[in-house]
Amino acid sequence: MEKGTNSHCFEPFISPNPITPSNPVQRFPKIHQTAFISQFSSVIGDVTISNNVFVAPNVSIRADEGTPFYIGSNTNLQDGVILHGLLNRKISLGNKKYSIFIGNEVSVAHGALVHGPCYIGDKVFVGFNAIVYNAIVGEGSFISTNAVVTNGVRIAPNRFVPPGANIDSQEKADALSPIPGDSEEFAAQVQRVNQEFPASYHLSFGKNRCSCGVAYD
């Protein structure tokens, strides 16, 4: 592991990308020591995971094609979430380029797919089984269950994507309404709960863990 990565990483599941003609350099994940990665999830390649991030079981963060990925502070990736990206398709932020950039205090709910090139701003909620691919999602927006956001669209900040919606044109994106109060409160509650998990899981698992992540006395 590179300097600065989490000393509690579970080596079989957190690894560099394989060497391929497309990605000839191996890069290790960089994981803040306060983040918690479930031993049933995988993190591969040039991935930066910031402080107090929670990665639930059965999450796949795979930067072996599109790369790099960035995951901001206090973000949670819930059970079954998939992050992957297309080769050489990136989002530019200042002088840096990312396959996937996820901001701070983002919730990506169970079973969602985030596929690069993709930018997700701070405090966005991505709902159950939603798909975000080739899109820019503005700060504070709410993407509902089973919705699809794709085709290069830009979602303005604080917009509501209804359940099952297919936002595949800028015209549809521009017509989105502000977030209803109940959805806004739901997203805030999900954030509050998930920000408690990293420290609690670290405490529960203890300091003594085998390479598979299982705790022992």
C-alpha atoms as a PDB file:
ATOM      1  CA  MET A   1       0.000   0.000   0.000  1.00  0.00           C
ATOM      2  CA  GLU A   2       1.161   3.523  -0.736  1.00  0.00           C
ATOM      3  CA  LYS A   3       1.955   5.930   2.061  1.00  0.00           C
ATOM      4  CA  GLY A   4      -1.186   7.432   3.500  1.00  0.00           C
ATOM      5  CA  THR A   5      -3.450   4.479   2.789  1.00  0.00           C
ATOM      6  CA  ASN A   6      -5.541   2.896   5.486  1.00  0.00           C
ATOM      7  CA  SER A   7      -3.592   0.476   7.688  1.00  0.00           C
ATOM      8  CA  HIS A   8      -6.814  -1.523   8.091  1.00  0.00           C
ATOM      9  CA  CYS A   9      -7.204  -2.243   4.356  1.00  0.00           C
ATOM     10  CA  PHE A  10      -8.044  -5.836   3.561  1.00  0.00           C
ATOM     11  CA  GLU A  11      -5.432  -6.819   1.005  1.00  0.00           C
ATOM     12  CA  PRO A  12      -7.342  -9.425  -1.027  1.00  0.00           C
ATOM     13  CA  PHE A  13     -10.033  -6.878  -1.787  1.00  0.00           C
ATOM     14  CA  ILE A  14      -8.085  -3.611  -2.031  1.00  0.00           C
ATOM     15  CA  SER A  15      -5.491  -3.781  -4.760  1.00  0.00           C
ATOM     16  CA  PRO A  16      -3.803  -2.000  -7.650  1.00  0.00           C
ATOM     17  CA  ASN A  17      -5.227  -2.207 -11.130  1.00  0.00           C
ATOM     18  CA  PRO A  18      -3.889  -5.014 -13.308  1.00  0.00           C
ATOM     19  CA  ILE A  19      -1.335  -4.034 -15.947  1.00  0.00           C
ATOM     20  CA  THR A  20      -2.936  -3.899 -19.389  1.00  0.00           C
ATOM     21  CA  PRO A  21      -2.012  -2.225 -22.696  1.00  0.00           C
ATOM     22  CA  SER A  22      -4.616   0.446 -21.864  1.00  0.00           C
ATOM     23  CA  ASN A  23      -3.352   0.996 -18.291  1.00  0.00           C
ATOM     24  CA  PRO A  24       0.321  -0.022 -18.189  1.00  0.00           C
ATOM     25  CA  VAL A  25       1.028   1.510 -14.741  1.00  0.00           C
ATOM     26  CA  GLN A  26      -0.251  -0.051 -11.526  1.00  0.00           C
ATOM     27  CA  ARG A  27      -1.721   2.407  -9.044  1.00  0.00           C
ATOM     28  CA  PHE A  28      -2.892   1.619  -5.532  1.00  0.00           C
ATOM     29  CA  PRO A  29      -6.013   3.039  -3.867  1.00  0.00           C
ATOM     30  CA  LYS A  30      -5.461   5.893  -1.409  1.00  0.00           C
ATOM     31  CA  ILE A  31      -7.836   5.459   1.503  1.00  0.00           C
ATOM     32  CA  HIS A  32      -8.078   7.762   4.511  1.00  0.00           C
ATOM     33  CA  GLN A  33      -7.610   5.974   7.804  1.00  0.00           C
ATOM     34  CA  THR A  34     -11.036   7.106   9.054  1.00  0.00           C
ATOM     35  CA  ALA A  35     -12.893   5.588   6.091  1.00  0.00           C
ATOM     36  CA  PHE A  36     -14.457   2.157   6.509  1.00  0.00           C
ATOM     37  CA  ILE A  37     -14.404  -0.372   3.658  1.00  0.00           C
ATOM     38  CA  SER A  38     -16.408  -3.552   4.165  1.00  0.00           C
ATOM     39  CA  GLN A  39     -14.367  -6.740   3.829  1.00  0.00           C
ATOM     40  CA  PHE A  40     -16.998  -7.905   1.320  1.00  0.00           C
ATOM     41  CA  SER A  41     -16.287  -5.032  -1.083  1.00  0.00           C
ATOM     42  CA  SER A  42     -13.464  -4.342  -3.529  1.00  0.00           C
ATOM     43  CA  VAL A  43     -11.477  -1.212  -4.360  1.00  0.00           C
ATOM     44  CA  ILE A  44      -9.166  -1.513  -7.363  1.00  0.00           C
ATOM     45  CA  GLY A  45      -6.757   0.957  -8.939  1.00  0.00           C
ATOM     46  CA  ASP A  46      -6.323   4.727  -8.772  1.00  0.00           C
ATOM     47  CA  VAL A  47      -9.101   5.513  -6.301  1.00  0.00           C
ATOM     48  CA  THR A  48      -8.970   8.238  -3.650  1.00  0.00           C
ATOM     49  CA  ILE A  49     -11.337   7.706  -0.710  1.00  0.00           C
ATOM     50  CA  SER A  50     -11.540  10.659   1.690  1.00  0.00           C
ATOM     51  CA  ASN A  51     -12.185  10.901   5.410  1.00  0.00           C
ATOM     52  CA  ASN A  52     -15.202   9.267   7.051  1.00  0.00           C
ATOM     53  CA  VAL A  53     -16.375   7.564   3.864  1.00  0.00           C
ATOM     54  CA  PHE A  54     -18.534   4.463   4.414  1.00  0.00           C
ATOM     55  CA  VAL A  55     -18.377   1.642   1.864  1.00  0.00           C
ATOM     56  CA  ALA A  56     -20.995  -1.004   2.642  1.00  0.00           C
ATOM     57  CA  PRO A  57     -20.810  -4.730   1.741  1.00  0.00           C
ATOM     58  CA  ASN A  58     -20.772  -5.868  -1.895  1.00  0.00           C
ATOM     59  CA  VAL A  59     -19.647  -2.546  -3.347  1.00  0.00           C
ATOM     60  CA  SER A  60     -17.391  -2.658  -6.430  1.00  0.00           C
ATOM     61  CA  ILE A  61     -15.110   0.345  -7.009  1.00  0.00           C
ATOM     62  CA  ARG A  62     -13.141  -0.720 -10.071  1.00  0.00           C
ATOM     63  CA  ALA A  63     -10.746   1.783 -11.652  1.00  0.00           C
ATOM     64  CA  ASP A  64      -9.142  -0.679 -14.056  1.00  0.00           C
ATOM     65  CA  GLU A  65     -10.426   0.890 -17.296  1.00  0.00           C
ATOM     66  CA  GLY A  66     -11.597   4.441 -16.744  1.00  0.00           C
ATOM     67  CA  THR A  67      -9.452   6.135 -14.091  1.00  0.00           C
ATOM     68  CA  PRO A  68      -8.960   7.903 -11.668  1.00  0.00           C
ATOM     69  CA  PHE A  69     -11.881   7.953  -9.215  1.00  0.00           C
ATOM     70  CA  TYR A  70     -12.346  10.418  -6.359  1.00  0.00           C
ATOM     71  CA  ILE A  71     -14.785   9.993  -3.440  1.00  0.00           C
ATOM     72  CA  GLY A  72     -15.223  12.969  -1.116  1.00  0.00           C
ATOM     73  CA  SER A  73     -15.562  13.304   2.653  1.00  0.00           C
ATOM     74  CA  ASN A  74     -18.557  11.833   4.506  1.00  0.00           C
ATOM     75  CA  THR A  75     -19.875  10.110   1.398  1.00  0.00           C
ATOM     76  CA  ASN A  76     -21.548   6.710   1.649  1.00  0.00           C
ATOM     77  CA  LEU A  77     -21.746   3.961  -0.946  1.00  0.00           C
ATOM     78  CA  GLN A  78     -24.412   1.501   0.099  1.00  0.00           C
ATOM     79  CA  ASP A  79     -24.778  -2.238  -0.504  1.00  0.00           C
ATOM     80  CA  GLY A  80     -24.349  -3.360  -4.095  1.00  0.00           C
ATOM     81  CA  VAL A  81     -23.216  -0.019  -5.542  1.00  0.00           C
ATOM     82  CA  ILE A  82     -20.986  -0.249  -8.637  1.00  0.00           C
ATOM     83  CA  LEU A  83     -18.448   2.365  -9.767  1.00  0.00           C
ATOM     84  CA  HIS A  84     -16.758   1.841 -13.133  1.00  0.00           C
ATOM     85  CA  GLY A  85     -15.659   4.059 -16.016  1.00  0.00           C
ATOM     86  CA  LEU A  86     -15.000   4.065 -19.754  1.00  0.00           C
ATOM     87  CA  LEU A  87     -11.430   4.217 -21.000  1.00  0.00           C
ATOM     88  CA  ASN A  88     -10.174   7.739 -21.801  1.00  0.00           C
ATOM     89  CA  ARG A  89     -13.538   9.394 -21.084  1.00  0.00           C
ATOM     90  CA  LYS A  90     -13.068  11.952 -18.308  1.00  0.00           C
ATOM     91  CA  ILE A  91     -14.537  14.958 -16.544  1.00  0.00           C
ATOM     92  CA  SER A  92     -12.261  17.996 -16.202  1.00  0.00           C
ATOM     93  CA  LEU A  93     -12.069  19.819 -12.867  1.00  0.00           C
ATOM     94  CA  GLY A  94      -9.563  22.650 -12.935  1.00  0.00           C
ATOM     95  CA  ASN A  95      -6.277  21.162 -14.083  1.00  0.00           C
ATOM     96  CA  LYS A  96      -7.272  17.591 -13.174  1.00  0.00           C
ATOM     97  CA  LYS A  97      -9.328  14.993 -14.993  1.00  0.00           C
ATOM     98  CA  TYR A  98     -11.382  12.198 -13.471  1.00  0.00           C
ATOM     99  CA  SER A  99     -13.317   9.222 -14.731  1.00  0.00           C
ATOM    100  CA  ILE A 100     -15.604   9.530 -11.698  1.00  0.00           C
ATOM    101  CA  PHE A 101     -15.704  12.411  -9.240  1.00  0.00           C
ATOM    102  CA  ILE A 102     -18.083  12.147  -6.277  1.00  0.00           C
ATOM    103  CA  GLY A 103     -18.210  15.115  -3.913  1.00  0.00           C
ATOM    104  CA  ASN A 104     -18.704  15.449  -0.164  1.00  0.00           C
ATOM    105  CA  GLU A 105     -21.719  14.153   1.787  1.00  0.00           C
ATOM    106  CA  VAL A 106     -23.084  12.203  -1.162  1.00  0.00           C
ATOM    107  CA  SER A 107     -25.345   9.181  -0.619  1.00  0.00           C
ATOM    108  CA  VAL A 108     -25.364   6.480  -3.290  1.00  0.00           C
ATOM    109  CA  ALA A 109     -28.124   4.100  -2.271  1.00  0.00           C
ATOM    110  CA  HIS A 110     -28.424   0.323  -2.587  1.00  0.00           C
ATOM    111  CA  GLY A 111     -27.848  -1.147  -6.023  1.00  0.00           C
ATOM    112  CA  ALA A 112     -27.061   2.098  -7.860  1.00  0.00           C
ATOM    113  CA  LEU A 113     -24.624   2.290 -10.785  1.00  0.00           C
ATOM    114  CA  VAL A 114     -22.328   5.293 -11.217  1.00  0.00           C
ATOM    115  CA  HIS A 115     -20.409   4.953 -14.476  1.00  0.00           C
ATOM    116  CA  GLY A 116     -17.772   7.349 -15.737  1.00  0.00           C
ATOM    117  CA  PRO A 117     -17.408   9.799 -17.216  1.00  0.00           C
ATOM    118  CA  CYS A 118     -19.423  11.244 -14.377  1.00  0.00           C
ATOM    119  CA  TYR A 119     -19.442  14.138 -11.885  1.00  0.00           C
ATOM    120  CA  ILE A 120     -21.669  14.095  -8.804  1.00  0.00           C
ATOM    121  CA  GLY A 121     -21.647  17.266  -6.725  1.00  0.00           C
ATOM    122  CA  ASP A 122     -21.756  17.677  -2.953  1.00  0.00           C
ATOM    123  CA  LYS A 123     -24.831  16.501  -1.017  1.00  0.00           C
ATOM    124  CA  VAL A 124     -26.395  14.656  -3.956  1.00  0.00           C
ATOM    125  CA  PHE A 125     -28.642  11.666  -3.267  1.00  0.00           C
ATOM    126  CA  VAL A 126     -28.556   8.837  -5.821  1.00  0.00           C
ATOM    127  CA  GLY A 127     -31.500   6.535  -5.213  1.00  0.00           C
ATOM    128  CA  PHE A 128     -31.965   2.781  -5.138  1.00  0.00           C
ATOM    129  CA  ASN A 129     -31.070   1.073  -8.453  1.00  0.00           C
ATOM    130  CA  ALA A 130     -30.543   4.420 -10.172  1.00  0.00           C
ATOM    131  CA  ILE A 131     -28.036   4.821 -13.027  1.00  0.00           C
ATOM    132  CA  VAL A 132     -25.834   7.872 -13.539  1.00  0.00           C
ATOM    133  CA  TYR A 133     -23.625   7.616 -16.639  1.00  0.00           C
ATOM    134  CA  ASN A 134     -21.950  10.300 -18.748  1.00  0.00           C
ATOM    135  CA  ALA A 135     -23.527  13.104 -16.741  1.00  0.00           C
ATOM    136  CA  ILE A 136     -22.878  16.061 -14.465  1.00  0.00           C
ATOM    137  CA  VAL A 137     -25.138  16.254 -11.423  1.00  0.00           C
ATOM    138  CA  GLY A 138     -25.226  19.559  -9.575  1.00  0.00           C
ATOM    139  CA  GLU A 139     -24.886  20.020  -5.822  1.00  0.00           C
ATOM    140  CA  GLY A 140     -27.816  18.990  -3.652  1.00  0.00           C
ATOM    141  CA  SER A 141     -29.817  17.219  -6.349  1.00  0.00           C
ATOM    142  CA  PHE A 142     -31.981  14.154  -5.659  1.00  0.00           C
ATOM    143  CA  ILE A 143     -32.080  11.233  -8.105  1.00  0.00           C
ATOM    144  CA  SER A 144     -34.958   8.920  -7.247  1.00  0.00           C
ATOM    145  CA  THR A 145     -35.333   5.138  -7.329  1.00  0.00           C
ATOM    146  CA  ASN A 146     -34.795   3.481 -10.732  1.00  0.00           C
ATOM    147  CA  ALA A 147     -34.096   6.793 -12.481  1.00  0.00           C
ATOM    148  CA  VAL A 148     -31.526   7.117 -15.284  1.00  0.00           C
ATOM    149  CA  VAL A 149     -29.387  10.213 -15.889  1.00  0.00           C
ATOM    150  CA  THR A 150     -27.228   9.944 -19.005  1.00  0.00           C
ATOM    151  CA  ASN A 151     -26.277  11.140 -22.495  1.00  0.00           C
ATOM    152  CA  GLY A 152     -24.093  14.032 -21.400  1.00  0.00           C
ATOM    153  CA  VAL A 153     -26.781  15.928 -19.505  1.00  0.00           C
ATOM    154  CA  ARG A 154     -26.099  18.535 -16.833  1.00  0.00           C
ATOM    155  CA  ILE A 155     -28.455  18.543 -13.861  1.00  0.00           C
ATOM    156  CA  ALA A 156     -28.663  21.948 -12.187  1.00  0.00           C
ATOM    157  CA  PRO A 157     -28.137  22.169  -8.405  1.00  0.00           C
ATOM    158  CA  ASN A 158     -31.007  21.180  -6.102  1.00  0.00           C
ATOM    159  CA  ARG A 159     -33.113  19.470  -8.771  1.00  0.00           C
ATOM    160  CA  PHE A 160     -35.418  16.466  -8.351  1.00  0.00           C
ATOM    161  CA  VAL A 161     -35.285  13.518 -10.750  1.00  0.00           C
ATOM    162  CA  PRO A 162     -38.559  11.582 -10.270  1.00  0.00           C
ATOM    163  CA  PRO A 163     -38.741   7.804  -9.745  1.00  0.00           C
ATOM    164  CA  GLY A 164     -38.180   5.869 -12.951  1.00  0.00           C
ATOM    165  CA  ALA A 165     -37.421   9.003 -15.014  1.00  0.00           C
ATOM    166  CA  ASN A 166     -35.077   8.774 -18.011  1.00  0.00           C
ATOM    167  CA  ILE A 167     -33.190  12.054 -18.203  1.00  0.00           C
ATOM    168  CA  ASP A 168     -31.359  11.621 -21.512  1.00  0.00           C
ATOM    169  CA  SER A 169     -31.614  15.096 -23.023  1.00  0.00           C
ATOM    170  CA  GLN A 170     -30.700  18.560 -21.797  1.00  0.00           C
ATOM    171  CA  GLU A 171     -34.282  19.653 -22.426  1.00  0.00           C
ATOM    172  CA  LYS A 172     -35.515  17.075 -19.902  1.00  0.00           C
ATOM    173  CA  ALA A 173     -32.781  18.061 -17.445  1.00  0.00           C
ATOM    174  CA  ASP A 174     -33.652  21.757 -17.679  1.00  0.00           C
ATOM    175  CA  ALA A 175     -37.335  20.997 -16.972  1.00  0.00           C
ATOM    176  CA  LEU A 176     -36.669  19.304 -13.616  1.00  0.00           C
ATOM    177  CA  SER A 177     -38.359  20.773 -10.553  1.00  0.00           C
ATOM    178  CA  PRO A 178     -36.832  21.699  -7.174  1.00  0.00           C
ATOM    179  CA  ILE A 179     -36.617  18.957  -4.553  1.00  0.00           C
ATOM    180  CA  PRO A 180     -39.780  18.357  -2.497  1.00  0.00           C
ATOM    181  CA  GLY A 181     -39.368  18.898   1.221  1.00  0.00           C
ATOM    182  CA  ASP A 182     -39.934  15.246   2.165  1.00  0.00           C
ATOM    183  CA  SER A 183     -37.226  14.036  -0.235  1.00  0.00           C
ATOM    184  CA  GLU A 184     -34.818  16.675   1.019  1.00  0.00           C
ATOM    185  CA  GLU A 185     -35.386  15.547   4.617  1.00  0.00           C
ATOM    186  CA  PHE A 186     -35.017  11.880   3.634  1.00  0.00           C
ATOM    187  CA  ALA A 187     -31.634  12.567   2.011  1.00  0.00           C
ATOM    188  CA  ALA A 188     -30.494  14.512   5.096  1.00  0.00           C
ATOM    189  CA  GLN A 189     -31.514  11.658   7.394  1.00  0.00           C
ATOM    190  CA  VAL A 190     -29.644   9.104   5.266  1.00  0.00           C
ATOM    191  CA  GLN A 191     -26.545  11.289   5.534  1.00  0.00           C
ATOM    192  CA  ARG A 192     -26.839  11.626   9.304  1.00  0.00           C
ATOM    193  CA  VAL A 193     -27.093   7.864   9.811  1.00  0.00           C
ATOM    194  CA  ASN A 194     -24.309   6.912   7.405  1.00  0.00           C
ATOM    195  CA  GLN A 195     -21.830   9.435   8.799  1.00  0.00           C
ATOM    196  CA  GLU A 196     -22.034   7.520  12.082  1.00  0.00           C
ATOM    197  CA  PHE A 197     -21.078   4.188  10.517  1.00  0.00           C
ATOM    198  CA  PRO A 198     -17.318   4.435   9.787  1.00  0.00           C
ATOM    199  CA  ALA A 199     -16.194   5.108  13.350  1.00  0.00           C
ATOM    200  CA  SER A 200     -18.718   2.642  14.768  1.00  0.00           C
ATOM    201  CA  TYR A 201     -17.693  -0.176  12.431  1.00  0.00           C
ATOM    202  CA  HIS A 202     -14.003   0.435  13.133  1.00  0.00           C
ATOM    203  CA  LEU A 203     -14.760   0.206  16.840  1.00  0.00           C
ATOM    204  CA  SER A 204     -16.860  -2.922  16.376  1.00  0.00           C
ATOM    205  CA  PHE A 205     -14.229  -4.727  14.297  1.00  0.00           C
ATOM    206  CA  GLY A 206     -11.377  -3.707  16.574  1.00  0.00           C
ATOM    207  CA  LYS A 207      -7.711  -3.343  15.720  1.00  0.00           C
ATOM    208  CA  ASN A 208      -6.910  -7.033  15.280  1.00  0.00           C
ATOM    209  CA  ARG A 209      -8.003  -8.175  11.819  1.00  0.00           C
ATOM    210  CA  CYS A 210      -6.641 -10.812   9.503  1.00  0.00           C
ATOM    211  CA  SER A 211      -5.959 -10.020   5.849  1.00  0.00           C
ATOM    212  CA  CYS A 212      -9.506 -11.095   4.978  1.00  0.00           C
ATOM    213  CA  GLY A 213     -10.909  -8.412   7.306  1.00  0.00           C
ATOM    214  CA  VAL A 214     -12.311 -10.760   9.920  1.00  0.00           C
ATOM    215  CA  ALA A 215     -11.699  -9.628  13.508  1.00  0.00           C
ATOM    216  CA  TYR A 216      -9.941 -11.851  16.028  1.00  0.00           C
ATOM    217  CA  ASP A 217      -9.020 -11.623  19.710  1.00  0.00           C
END
